[in-house]
Amino acid sequence: MVTGFKMIAVLRAIRGLIAFVLGVCLLYVAFNLEGFSSERLPIVNTLAQKDSVFELIVYWLTSFTKPQIIGLALLAFLFAIIRAAEAIGVWCDHGWAKWLALLTGIIYIPLEVNELFWRYSLGMSMVLIVNIVVVVYLFWKLCKGSQIQS
């Protein structure tokens, strides 16, 4: 198997792991932090003042109800399962997984461009560049493979 596909599988597995951890954290918030607010936890207020992203997350989480947070956690777990299947499939050289990786990569590009347009950051730029490289590589390899099989 080509090393490039293994690297893509690792990237997909990492994204799946991040989604799983996010799901666990959301369930923790939903079940253990009843009445969570920045006023009740001074450290949260201090961190929110120093980091605008953290402030947005705290504001966002406090505006959701418990069932909504559980729903978000379930979506994160679903995303993790899809990423795990994708990573395992690409690692094991299954064609369907490579097409799924291409499709999910293409879906992310407009979202990442939009994020860069509204809030530029070097990290998001790197994510977009890596995603574009992965999509182009997958497309090239899949089209090359289709020509060989025809």
Protein backbone atom coordinates (compact mmCIF):
# COMPACT_ATOMS: atom_id res chain seq x y z
CA MET A 1 0.00 0.00 0.00
CA VAL A 2 1.11 3.54 -0.73
CA THR A 3 2.46 5.41 2.29
CA GLY A 4 0.30 8.44 1.38
CA PHE A 5 -2.87 6.45 2.05
CA LYS A 6 -1.56 5.37 5.45
CA MET A 7 -0.86 8.99 6.33
CA ILE A 8 -4.40 9.93 5.30
CA ALA A 9 -5.74 7.08 7.45
CA VAL A 10 -3.77 8.40 10.42
CA LEU A 11 -5.12 11.94 9.87
CA ARG A 12 -8.68 10.60 9.71
CA ALA A 13 -8.12 8.55 12.86
CA ILE A 14 -6.82 11.63 14.70
CA ARG A 15 -9.91 13.61 13.68
CA GLY A 16 -12.09 10.74 14.86
CA LEU A 17 -10.28 10.62 18.19
CA ILE A 18 -10.75 14.36 18.64
CA ALA A 19 -14.47 13.97 17.90
CA PHE A 20 -14.72 11.14 20.42
CA VAL A 21 -13.00 13.20 23.13
CA LEU A 22 -15.31 16.11 22.31
CA GLY A 23 -18.32 13.81 22.71
CA VAL A 24 -17.07 12.61 26.10
CA CYS A 25 -16.48 16.21 27.23
CA LEU A 26 -19.96 17.25 26.11
CA LEU A 27 -21.52 14.36 28.02
CA TYR A 28 -19.51 15.38 31.07
CA VAL A 29 -20.82 18.93 30.77
CA ALA A 30 -24.39 17.69 30.25
CA PHE A 31 -24.46 15.37 33.27
CA ASN A 32 -22.04 16.93 35.76
CA LEU A 33 -22.26 20.64 35.45
CA GLU A 34 -25.88 21.46 36.27
CA GLY A 35 -26.28 25.19 36.39
CA PHE A 36 -22.83 25.69 34.87
CA SER A 37 -21.96 29.35 34.45
CA SER A 38 -18.83 31.44 34.41
CA GLU A 39 -20.01 33.24 37.55
CA ARG A 40 -19.97 29.98 39.55
CA LEU A 41 -16.44 29.08 38.47
CA PRO A 42 -14.01 32.05 38.72
CA ILE A 43 -11.26 30.22 36.81
CA VAL A 44 -13.60 29.92 33.82
CA ASN A 45 -14.22 33.66 33.92
CA THR A 46 -10.47 34.34 34.11
CA LEU A 47 -9.71 32.02 31.17
CA ALA A 48 -12.55 33.50 29.13
CA GLN A 49 -11.10 36.98 29.56
CA LYS A 50 -7.74 35.81 28.19
CA ASP A 51 -8.97 33.64 25.31
CA SER A 52 -11.78 34.76 23.02
CA VAL A 53 -12.33 31.22 21.68
CA PHE A 54 -12.73 29.87 25.21
CA GLU A 55 -15.12 32.73 25.98
CA LEU A 56 -17.20 31.82 22.93
CA ILE A 57 -17.28 28.14 23.95
CA VAL A 58 -18.40 28.99 27.49
CA TYR A 59 -21.09 31.36 26.21
CA TRP A 60 -22.21 28.82 23.64
CA LEU A 61 -22.40 25.90 26.10
CA THR A 62 -24.30 27.91 28.72
CA SER A 63 -26.95 28.79 26.14
CA PHE A 64 -27.81 25.11 25.45
CA THR A 65 -30.15 22.88 27.37
CA LYS A 66 -29.09 19.46 28.65
CA PRO A 67 -30.89 17.57 25.81
CA GLN A 68 -29.24 19.82 23.23
CA ILE A 69 -25.78 19.15 24.68
CA ILE A 70 -26.49 15.41 24.67
CA GLY A 71 -27.56 15.72 21.03
CA LEU A 72 -24.29 17.47 20.19
CA ALA A 73 -22.38 14.72 22.00
CA LEU A 74 -24.20 12.06 19.98
CA LEU A 75 -23.33 13.91 16.77
CA ALA A 76 -19.69 13.98 17.86
CA PHE A 77 -19.79 10.23 18.51
CA LEU A 78 -21.40 9.64 15.09
CA PHE A 79 -18.67 11.71 13.48
CA ALA A 80 -16.04 9.69 15.40
CA ILE A 81 -17.54 6.40 14.17
CA ILE A 82 -17.56 7.63 10.56
CA ARG A 83 -13.96 8.80 10.85
CA ALA A 84 -12.89 5.49 12.43
CA ALA A 85 -14.55 3.49 9.64
CA GLU A 86 -12.96 5.79 7.09
CA ALA A 87 -9.50 5.49 8.68
CA ILE A 88 -9.67 1.69 8.97
CA GLY A 89 -10.99 1.38 5.42
CA VAL A 90 -8.27 3.60 3.94
CA TRP A 91 -5.60 1.79 5.98
CA CYS A 92 -6.86 -1.58 4.69
CA ASP A 93 -6.90 -0.24 1.10
CA HIS A 94 -10.68 -0.38 0.54
CA GLY A 95 -11.85 1.68 -2.43
CA TRP A 96 -15.11 2.78 -0.77
CA ALA A 97 -13.14 4.31 2.12
CA LYS A 98 -10.91 6.26 -0.23
CA TRP A 99 -13.96 7.69 -2.00
CA LEU A 100 -15.52 8.50 1.38
CA ALA A 101 -12.30 10.26 2.44
CA LEU A 102 -12.33 12.24 -0.80
CA LEU A 103 -15.98 13.23 -0.31
CA THR A 104 -15.56 14.28 3.32
CA GLY A 105 -12.41 16.19 2.43
CA ILE A 106 -14.23 18.08 -0.32
CA ILE A 107 -17.10 18.89 2.04
CA TYR A 108 -14.71 20.49 4.54
CA ILE A 109 -12.97 22.83 2.07
CA PRO A 110 -15.80 25.43 1.80
CA LEU A 111 -16.27 25.36 5.57
CA GLU A 112 -12.57 25.93 6.15
CA VAL A 113 -12.43 28.73 3.56
CA ASN A 114 -15.41 30.40 5.24
CA GLU A 115 -13.70 30.13 8.62
CA LEU A 116 -10.55 31.71 7.20
CA PHE A 117 -12.58 34.47 5.58
CA TRP A 118 -14.21 35.49 8.86
CA ARG A 119 -11.43 34.66 11.35
CA TYR A 120 -8.01 34.21 9.81
CA SER A 121 -5.50 32.14 11.75
CA LEU A 122 -2.29 30.39 10.82
CA GLY A 123 -3.58 27.11 12.28
CA MET A 124 -6.73 27.19 10.16
CA SER A 125 -4.61 28.02 7.10
CA MET A 126 -2.51 24.93 7.75
CA VAL A 127 -5.62 22.77 8.18
CA LEU A 128 -6.98 24.04 4.86
CA ILE A 129 -3.68 23.45 3.05
CA VAL A 130 -3.37 19.91 4.42
CA ASN A 131 -6.99 19.18 3.48
CA ILE A 132 -6.50 20.47 -0.08
CA VAL A 133 -3.32 18.39 -0.47
CA VAL A 134 -5.17 15.29 0.79
CA VAL A 135 -8.13 15.88 -1.55
CA VAL A 136 -5.91 16.46 -4.60
CA TYR A 137 -3.80 13.40 -3.76
CA LEU A 138 -6.86 11.19 -3.25
CA PHE A 139 -8.50 12.43 -6.44
CA TRP A 140 -5.31 11.88 -8.43
CA LYS A 141 -4.76 8.38 -7.04
CA LEU A 142 -8.41 7.35 -7.43
CA CYS A 143 -8.58 8.60 -11.02
CA LYS A 144 -5.25 6.94 -11.83
CA GLY A 145 -6.53 3.70 -10.30
CA SER A 146 -9.74 3.90 -12.35
CA GLN A 147 -7.76 4.28 -15.57
CA ILE A 148 -5.67 1.20 -14.76
CA GLN A 149 -8.78 -0.90 -14.06
CA SER A 150 -10.58 0.24 -17.28
